[in-house]
N, C-alpha and C. Protein backbone atom coordinates (compact mmCIF):
# COMPACT_ATOMS: atom_id res chain seq x y z
N GLN A 1 -35.22 66.50 124.06
CA GLN A 1 -34.93 66.62 122.65
C GLN A 1 -33.80 65.68 122.22
N VAL A 2 -32.80 65.54 123.06
CA VAL A 2 -31.69 64.63 122.82
C VAL A 2 -31.60 63.67 124.00
N GLN A 3 -31.43 62.41 123.69
CA GLN A 3 -31.33 61.40 124.73
C GLN A 3 -30.04 60.61 124.58
N LEU A 4 -29.33 60.44 125.68
CA LEU A 4 -28.13 59.63 125.74
C LEU A 4 -28.37 58.51 126.72
N VAL A 5 -28.09 57.28 126.30
CA VAL A 5 -28.31 56.13 127.15
C VAL A 5 -27.04 55.31 127.24
N GLU A 6 -26.49 55.22 128.45
CA GLU A 6 -25.27 54.46 128.68
C GLU A 6 -25.59 53.01 129.04
N SER A 7 -24.65 52.14 128.74
CA SER A 7 -24.76 50.74 129.13
C SER A 7 -23.36 50.15 129.23
N GLY A 8 -23.26 49.00 129.86
CA GLY A 8 -22.00 48.28 129.92
C GLY A 8 -21.28 48.33 131.25
N GLY A 9 -21.79 49.09 132.20
CA GLY A 9 -21.16 49.14 133.50
C GLY A 9 -21.36 47.85 134.27
N GLY A 10 -20.62 47.72 135.36
CA GLY A 10 -20.73 46.54 136.18
C GLY A 10 -19.59 46.42 137.16
N LEU A 11 -19.47 45.23 137.74
CA LEU A 11 -18.42 44.93 138.71
C LEU A 11 -17.30 44.16 138.03
N VAL A 12 -16.08 44.60 138.24
CA VAL A 12 -14.92 43.96 137.64
C VAL A 12 -13.76 43.98 138.63
N GLN A 13 -12.90 42.98 138.56
CA GLN A 13 -11.73 42.92 139.42
C GLN A 13 -10.64 43.86 138.93
N PRO A 14 -9.77 44.32 139.82
CA PRO A 14 -8.63 45.12 139.37
C PRO A 14 -7.85 44.41 138.28
N GLY A 15 -7.47 45.17 137.27
CA GLY A 15 -6.78 44.61 136.12
C GLY A 15 -7.70 44.15 135.01
N GLY A 16 -8.99 44.13 135.28
CA GLY A 16 -9.96 43.69 134.31
C GLY A 16 -10.34 44.78 133.33
N SER A 17 -11.32 44.46 132.48
CA SER A 17 -11.75 45.37 131.43
C SER A 17 -13.26 45.47 131.37
N LEU A 18 -13.73 46.62 130.93
CA LEU A 18 -15.13 46.85 130.64
C LEU A 18 -15.24 47.74 129.41
N ARG A 19 -16.32 47.60 128.69
CA ARG A 19 -16.60 48.45 127.55
C ARG A 19 -17.94 49.13 127.76
N LEU A 20 -17.93 50.45 127.84
CA LEU A 20 -19.14 51.23 127.99
C LEU A 20 -19.64 51.69 126.63
N SER A 21 -20.95 51.74 126.48
CA SER A 21 -21.57 52.20 125.25
C SER A 21 -22.54 53.33 125.55
N CYS A 22 -22.67 54.25 124.61
CA CYS A 22 -23.60 55.36 124.72
C CYS A 22 -24.35 55.49 123.41
N ALA A 23 -25.66 55.36 123.47
CA ALA A 23 -26.51 55.49 122.30
C ALA A 23 -27.15 56.87 122.28
N VAL A 24 -27.10 57.53 121.13
CA VAL A 24 -27.61 58.88 120.97
C VAL A 24 -28.86 58.87 120.12
N SER A 25 -29.89 59.58 120.55
CA SER A 25 -31.10 59.73 119.76
C SER A 25 -31.69 61.11 119.98
N GLY A 26 -32.57 61.52 119.07
CA GLY A 26 -33.23 62.81 119.19
C GLY A 26 -32.87 63.78 118.09
N ASN A 27 -33.24 65.03 118.31
CA ASN A 27 -33.06 66.07 117.30
C ASN A 27 -31.71 66.75 117.46
N ILE A 28 -30.70 66.12 116.89
CA ILE A 28 -29.37 66.70 116.88
C ILE A 28 -29.01 67.08 115.44
N PHE A 29 -28.50 68.29 115.27
CA PHE A 29 -28.13 68.77 113.95
C PHE A 29 -26.63 68.75 113.71
N ALA A 30 -25.88 68.99 114.75
CA ALA A 30 -24.43 68.98 114.64
C ALA A 30 -23.82 68.75 116.02
N ILE A 31 -22.81 67.92 116.07
CA ILE A 31 -22.13 67.58 117.31
C ILE A 31 -20.73 68.16 117.30
N TYR A 32 -20.39 68.89 118.34
CA TYR A 32 -19.02 69.38 118.49
C TYR A 32 -18.12 68.28 119.03
N ALA A 33 -18.59 67.65 120.10
CA ALA A 33 -17.80 66.61 120.72
C ALA A 33 -18.69 65.71 121.56
N MET A 34 -18.21 64.51 121.80
CA MET A 34 -18.84 63.62 122.76
C MET A 34 -17.77 63.15 123.73
N GLY A 35 -18.21 62.76 124.89
CA GLY A 35 -17.23 62.35 125.87
C GLY A 35 -17.80 61.51 126.99
N TRP A 36 -16.89 61.06 127.82
CA TRP A 36 -17.22 60.33 129.02
C TRP A 36 -16.69 61.07 130.23
N TYR A 37 -17.52 61.20 131.23
CA TYR A 37 -17.17 61.80 132.50
C TYR A 37 -17.50 60.80 133.60
N ARG A 38 -16.93 61.00 134.76
CA ARG A 38 -17.23 60.11 135.86
C ARG A 38 -17.31 60.89 137.16
N GLN A 39 -18.06 60.34 138.10
CA GLN A 39 -18.21 60.95 139.40
C GLN A 39 -18.19 59.88 140.47
N ALA A 40 -17.20 59.95 141.35
CA ALA A 40 -17.10 59.06 142.48
C ALA A 40 -17.79 59.70 143.69
N PRO A 41 -18.20 58.90 144.66
CA PRO A 41 -18.86 59.46 145.84
C PRO A 41 -18.00 60.53 146.52
N GLY A 42 -18.61 61.67 146.80
CA GLY A 42 -17.91 62.75 147.47
C GLY A 42 -16.99 63.56 146.59
N LYS A 43 -16.95 63.28 145.31
CA LYS A 43 -16.07 63.99 144.40
C LYS A 43 -16.86 64.71 143.31
N GLN A 44 -16.20 65.66 142.67
CA GLN A 44 -16.77 66.37 141.54
C GLN A 44 -16.75 65.48 140.30
N ARG A 45 -17.66 65.76 139.40
CA ARG A 45 -17.63 65.07 138.13
C ARG A 45 -16.39 65.50 137.35
N GLU A 46 -15.68 64.54 136.79
CA GLU A 46 -14.45 64.84 136.09
C GLU A 46 -14.44 64.25 134.69
N LEU A 47 -13.71 64.90 133.83
CA LEU A 47 -13.57 64.43 132.46
C LEU A 47 -12.72 63.18 132.42
N VAL A 48 -13.16 62.20 131.64
CA VAL A 48 -12.40 60.98 131.41
C VAL A 48 -11.79 61.00 130.02
N ALA A 49 -12.63 61.19 129.02
CA ALA A 49 -12.17 61.19 127.63
C ALA A 49 -13.18 61.91 126.76
N THR A 50 -12.70 62.56 125.71
CA THR A 50 -13.57 63.21 124.74
C THR A 50 -13.12 62.86 123.32
N ILE A 51 -14.06 62.96 122.40
CA ILE A 51 -13.76 62.78 120.99
C ILE A 51 -14.57 63.80 120.21
N THR A 52 -13.91 64.54 119.33
CA THR A 52 -14.57 65.57 118.54
C THR A 52 -15.17 64.97 117.28
N SER A 53 -15.94 65.81 116.58
CA SER A 53 -16.51 65.37 115.31
C SER A 53 -15.43 65.05 114.29
N GLY A 54 -14.24 65.61 114.46
CA GLY A 54 -13.12 65.30 113.60
C GLY A 54 -12.28 64.14 114.09
N ALA A 55 -12.74 63.48 115.15
CA ALA A 55 -12.12 62.27 115.70
C ALA A 55 -10.85 62.53 116.52
N SER A 56 -10.60 63.78 116.88
CA SER A 56 -9.52 64.06 117.81
C SER A 56 -9.93 63.62 119.21
N THR A 57 -9.00 63.05 119.95
CA THR A 57 -9.31 62.54 121.28
C THR A 57 -8.49 63.24 122.35
N ASN A 58 -9.04 63.22 123.55
CA ASN A 58 -8.38 63.79 124.71
C ASN A 58 -8.70 62.92 125.91
N TYR A 59 -7.68 62.67 126.75
CA TYR A 59 -7.86 61.81 127.91
C TYR A 59 -7.34 62.46 129.17
N ALA A 60 -7.98 62.14 130.27
CA ALA A 60 -7.43 62.52 131.56
C ALA A 60 -6.13 61.77 131.78
N ASP A 61 -5.19 62.41 132.46
CA ASP A 61 -3.89 61.78 132.71
C ASP A 61 -4.04 60.45 133.45
N SER A 62 -5.03 60.36 134.31
CA SER A 62 -5.20 59.18 135.13
C SER A 62 -5.63 57.95 134.34
N VAL A 63 -6.16 58.15 133.14
CA VAL A 63 -6.64 57.02 132.35
C VAL A 63 -5.88 56.83 131.05
N LYS A 64 -5.01 57.76 130.73
CA LYS A 64 -4.28 57.70 129.47
C LYS A 64 -3.44 56.42 129.39
N GLY A 65 -3.55 55.74 128.27
CA GLY A 65 -2.87 54.48 128.09
C GLY A 65 -3.67 53.27 128.50
N ARG A 66 -4.75 53.49 129.23
CA ARG A 66 -5.61 52.40 129.69
C ARG A 66 -6.99 52.43 129.05
N PHE A 67 -7.51 53.64 128.82
CA PHE A 67 -8.85 53.80 128.26
C PHE A 67 -8.77 54.27 126.82
N THR A 68 -9.75 53.89 126.02
CA THR A 68 -9.84 54.32 124.64
C THR A 68 -11.27 54.72 124.31
N ILE A 69 -11.45 55.94 123.82
CA ILE A 69 -12.76 56.39 123.39
C ILE A 69 -12.86 56.24 121.87
N SER A 70 -14.02 55.83 121.41
CA SER A 70 -14.23 55.66 119.98
C SER A 70 -15.68 55.97 119.65
N ARG A 71 -15.97 56.08 118.38
CA ARG A 71 -17.33 56.41 117.95
C ARG A 71 -17.71 55.61 116.71
N ASP A 72 -19.00 55.49 116.49
CA ASP A 72 -19.54 54.91 115.28
C ASP A 72 -20.67 55.83 114.85
N ASN A 73 -20.38 56.75 113.94
CA ASN A 73 -21.35 57.75 113.54
C ASN A 73 -22.58 57.13 112.86
N ALA A 74 -22.37 56.08 112.10
CA ALA A 74 -23.48 55.43 111.41
C ALA A 74 -24.49 54.86 112.39
N LYS A 75 -24.02 54.44 113.55
CA LYS A 75 -24.89 53.86 114.56
C LYS A 75 -25.25 54.84 115.67
N ASN A 76 -24.74 56.07 115.57
CA ASN A 76 -24.94 57.07 116.63
C ASN A 76 -24.52 56.52 117.99
N MET A 77 -23.32 55.98 118.03
CA MET A 77 -22.81 55.37 119.26
C MET A 77 -21.42 55.91 119.58
N VAL A 78 -21.13 55.99 120.85
CA VAL A 78 -19.79 56.28 121.32
C VAL A 78 -19.45 55.26 122.39
N TYR A 79 -18.18 54.87 122.45
CA TYR A 79 -17.75 53.80 123.33
C TYR A 79 -16.58 54.23 124.19
N LEU A 80 -16.43 53.56 125.29
CA LEU A 80 -15.26 53.73 126.14
C LEU A 80 -14.75 52.35 126.52
N GLN A 81 -13.62 51.97 125.95
CA GLN A 81 -12.98 50.72 126.31
C GLN A 81 -12.05 50.97 127.48
N MET A 82 -12.27 50.28 128.58
CA MET A 82 -11.50 50.49 129.80
C MET A 82 -10.73 49.22 130.11
N ASN A 83 -9.41 49.32 130.08
CA ASN A 83 -8.53 48.20 130.38
C ASN A 83 -7.69 48.50 131.62
N SER A 84 -7.11 47.46 132.18
CA SER A 84 -6.26 47.61 133.36
C SER A 84 -6.93 48.44 134.44
N LEU A 85 -8.16 48.11 134.73
CA LEU A 85 -8.95 48.90 135.66
C LEU A 85 -8.39 48.85 137.08
N LYS A 86 -8.50 49.98 137.76
CA LYS A 86 -8.03 50.14 139.12
C LYS A 86 -9.20 50.47 140.03
N PRO A 87 -9.08 50.19 141.33
CA PRO A 87 -10.15 50.57 142.25
C PRO A 87 -10.48 52.06 142.18
N GLU A 88 -9.50 52.90 141.88
CA GLU A 88 -9.72 54.33 141.77
C GLU A 88 -10.62 54.71 140.60
N ASP A 89 -10.85 53.78 139.68
CA ASP A 89 -11.74 54.03 138.56
C ASP A 89 -13.21 53.87 138.93
N THR A 90 -13.47 53.38 140.12
CA THR A 90 -14.85 53.18 140.57
C THR A 90 -15.59 54.51 140.58
N ALA A 91 -16.71 54.56 139.87
CA ALA A 91 -17.49 55.79 139.75
C ALA A 91 -18.73 55.52 138.91
N VAL A 92 -19.61 56.49 138.89
CA VAL A 92 -20.69 56.50 137.91
C VAL A 92 -20.16 57.20 136.67
N TYR A 93 -20.27 56.56 135.54
CA TYR A 93 -19.76 57.09 134.29
C TYR A 93 -20.91 57.65 133.47
N TYR A 94 -20.73 58.89 132.99
CA TYR A 94 -21.76 59.59 132.25
C TYR A 94 -21.32 59.89 130.83
N CYS A 95 -22.22 59.69 129.89
CA CYS A 95 -21.99 60.07 128.51
C CYS A 95 -22.40 61.53 128.31
N ASN A 96 -21.65 62.25 127.49
CA ASN A 96 -21.90 63.67 127.26
C ASN A 96 -21.86 63.99 125.77
N LEU A 97 -22.75 64.88 125.35
CA LEU A 97 -22.77 65.38 123.99
C LEU A 97 -22.81 66.90 124.03
N GLU A 98 -21.90 67.55 123.30
CA GLU A 98 -21.88 69.00 123.21
C GLU A 98 -22.33 69.43 121.82
N ASP A 99 -23.38 70.22 121.76
CA ASP A 99 -23.90 70.71 120.50
C ASP A 99 -22.93 71.71 119.88
N ARG A 100 -22.72 71.59 118.58
CA ARG A 100 -21.74 72.42 117.90
C ARG A 100 -22.10 73.91 117.94
N PHE A 101 -23.36 74.24 117.77
CA PHE A 101 -23.75 75.64 117.62
C PHE A 101 -24.14 76.30 118.94
N SER A 102 -24.94 75.63 119.73
CA SER A 102 -25.39 76.20 121.00
C SER A 102 -24.41 75.95 122.13
N ARG A 103 -23.54 74.98 121.98
CA ARG A 103 -22.58 74.54 122.99
C ARG A 103 -23.29 73.95 124.22
N TYR A 104 -24.56 73.62 124.06
CA TYR A 104 -25.30 73.00 125.14
C TYR A 104 -24.82 71.57 125.35
N ASN A 105 -24.73 71.17 126.60
CA ASN A 105 -24.29 69.83 126.95
C ASN A 105 -25.45 68.95 127.38
N TRP A 106 -25.56 67.81 126.73
CA TRP A 106 -26.55 66.81 127.09
C TRP A 106 -25.86 65.68 127.83
N TRP A 107 -26.57 65.13 128.80
CA TRP A 107 -26.01 64.09 129.65
C TRP A 107 -26.89 62.85 129.70
N GLY A 108 -26.25 61.71 129.80
CA GLY A 108 -26.96 60.47 130.03
C GLY A 108 -27.25 60.28 131.50
N GLN A 109 -27.89 59.18 131.83
CA GLN A 109 -28.28 58.91 133.21
C GLN A 109 -27.17 58.32 134.04
N GLY A 110 -26.14 57.83 133.40
CA GLY A 110 -25.00 57.26 134.09
C GLY A 110 -25.07 55.75 134.21
N THR A 111 -23.90 55.14 134.29
CA THR A 111 -23.80 53.70 134.52
C THR A 111 -22.69 53.45 135.53
N GLN A 112 -22.96 52.59 136.49
CA GLN A 112 -22.04 52.35 137.59
C GLN A 112 -20.92 51.40 137.17
N VAL A 113 -19.70 51.79 137.46
CA VAL A 113 -18.53 50.94 137.29
C VAL A 113 -17.88 50.75 138.66
N THR A 114 -17.75 49.51 139.08
CA THR A 114 -17.13 49.20 140.36
C THR A 114 -15.96 48.26 140.13
N VAL A 115 -14.79 48.67 140.58
CA VAL A 115 -13.57 47.88 140.45
C VAL A 115 -13.16 47.44 141.85
N SER A 116 -13.29 46.17 142.12
CA SER A 116 -13.02 45.65 143.46
C SER A 116 -12.70 44.18 143.39
N SER A 117 -11.83 43.74 144.30
CA SER A 117 -11.50 42.33 144.42
C SER A 117 -12.33 41.66 145.50
């Protein structure tokens, strides 16, 4: 019913930058929040950043000051600008949408981000 498609991942050197994009489509009536999560091998999926329908943002301490989440409602897009990347940022990054009324979470397929020299 709802589809999230991530793009923009890739290989980057430490200190470099990447911009991830998430395109939303389907039967959505109201969005509570959207966000980015990541999962490294052998680790649990963790929150990276979220943005509410009112544009309030929240970041994990590990990325605060380096990553910026933003949205474009007219285009049904959400972005994650990642600067000053570290090897510890290496993970599969997933886009998330939380429905306002049902609180159901929709997930994208993920995009790989690898930070290595």
